[in-house]
Amino acid sequence: MKPYDKTEALRRELLDEACAGAFAGFGAMLLDADEIRNADAEELEEIARRYGKY
């Protein structure tokens, strides 16, 4: 898998989780979704660590 593909796969996974959390009533996760959309590869890895993915 190319680094770009890996980054975009992580972005999709994190966005799915953030959107599910927002739908469940955790409104602050809408801010996370915006951050995830605009993050570069390094920032996505940091967000993933916050989500317990790494």
Protein backbone atom coordinates (compact mmCIF):
# COMPACT_ATOMS: atom_id res chain seq x y z
CA MET A 1 0.00 0.00 0.00
CA LYS A 2 1.39 3.41 -0.95
CA PRO A 3 1.85 5.99 1.83
CA TYR A 4 -0.90 8.15 0.30
CA ASP A 5 -3.34 5.23 0.30
CA LYS A 6 -2.47 4.40 3.91
CA THR A 7 -3.02 8.02 4.96
CA GLU A 8 -6.37 8.23 3.21
CA ALA A 9 -7.48 4.90 4.68
CA LEU A 10 -6.64 6.22 8.16
CA ARG A 11 -8.48 9.46 7.37
CA ARG A 12 -11.63 7.50 6.36
CA GLU A 13 -11.45 5.33 9.48
CA LEU A 14 -11.08 8.33 11.79
CA LEU A 15 -13.83 10.25 10.01
CA ASP A 16 -16.18 7.27 10.37
CA GLU A 17 -15.47 7.16 14.07
CA ALA A 18 -15.84 10.92 14.55
CA CYS A 19 -19.12 11.02 12.62
CA ALA A 20 -20.49 8.08 14.59
CA GLY A 21 -19.58 9.85 17.84
CA ALA A 22 -21.23 13.06 16.68
CA PHE A 23 -24.36 11.14 15.69
CA ALA A 24 -24.38 9.48 19.12
CA GLY A 25 -24.57 12.89 20.75
CA PHE A 26 -20.94 13.84 21.29
CA GLY A 27 -21.09 17.19 19.52
CA ALA A 28 -17.41 17.96 20.10
CA MET A 29 -16.58 15.19 17.66
CA LEU A 30 -17.81 17.46 14.86
CA LEU A 31 -14.73 19.57 15.55
CA ASP A 32 -12.60 16.43 15.33
CA ALA A 33 -14.14 15.61 11.94
CA ASP A 34 -13.13 19.01 10.61
CA GLU A 35 -9.62 18.59 12.01
CA ILE A 36 -9.36 15.13 10.42
CA ARG A 37 -10.42 16.42 7.01
CA ASN A 38 -7.72 19.10 7.05
CA ALA A 39 -4.89 17.09 8.67
CA ASP A 40 -1.71 16.03 6.95
CA ALA A 41 -0.22 12.54 7.47
CA GLU A 42 1.62 13.42 10.70
CA GLU A 43 -1.40 15.16 12.20
CA LEU A 44 -3.59 12.15 11.34
CA GLU A 45 -1.22 9.88 13.24
CA GLU A 46 -1.46 12.15 16.28
CA ILE A 47 -5.26 12.12 16.07
CA ALA A 48 -5.18 8.33 15.75
CA ARG A 49 -3.12 8.14 18.94
CA ARG A 50 -5.73 10.28 20.73
CA TYR A 51 -8.38 7.84 19.51
CA GLY A 52 -6.31 4.89 20.81
CA LYS A 53 -5.48 3.52 17.36
CA TYR A 54 -1.71 3.42 17.95
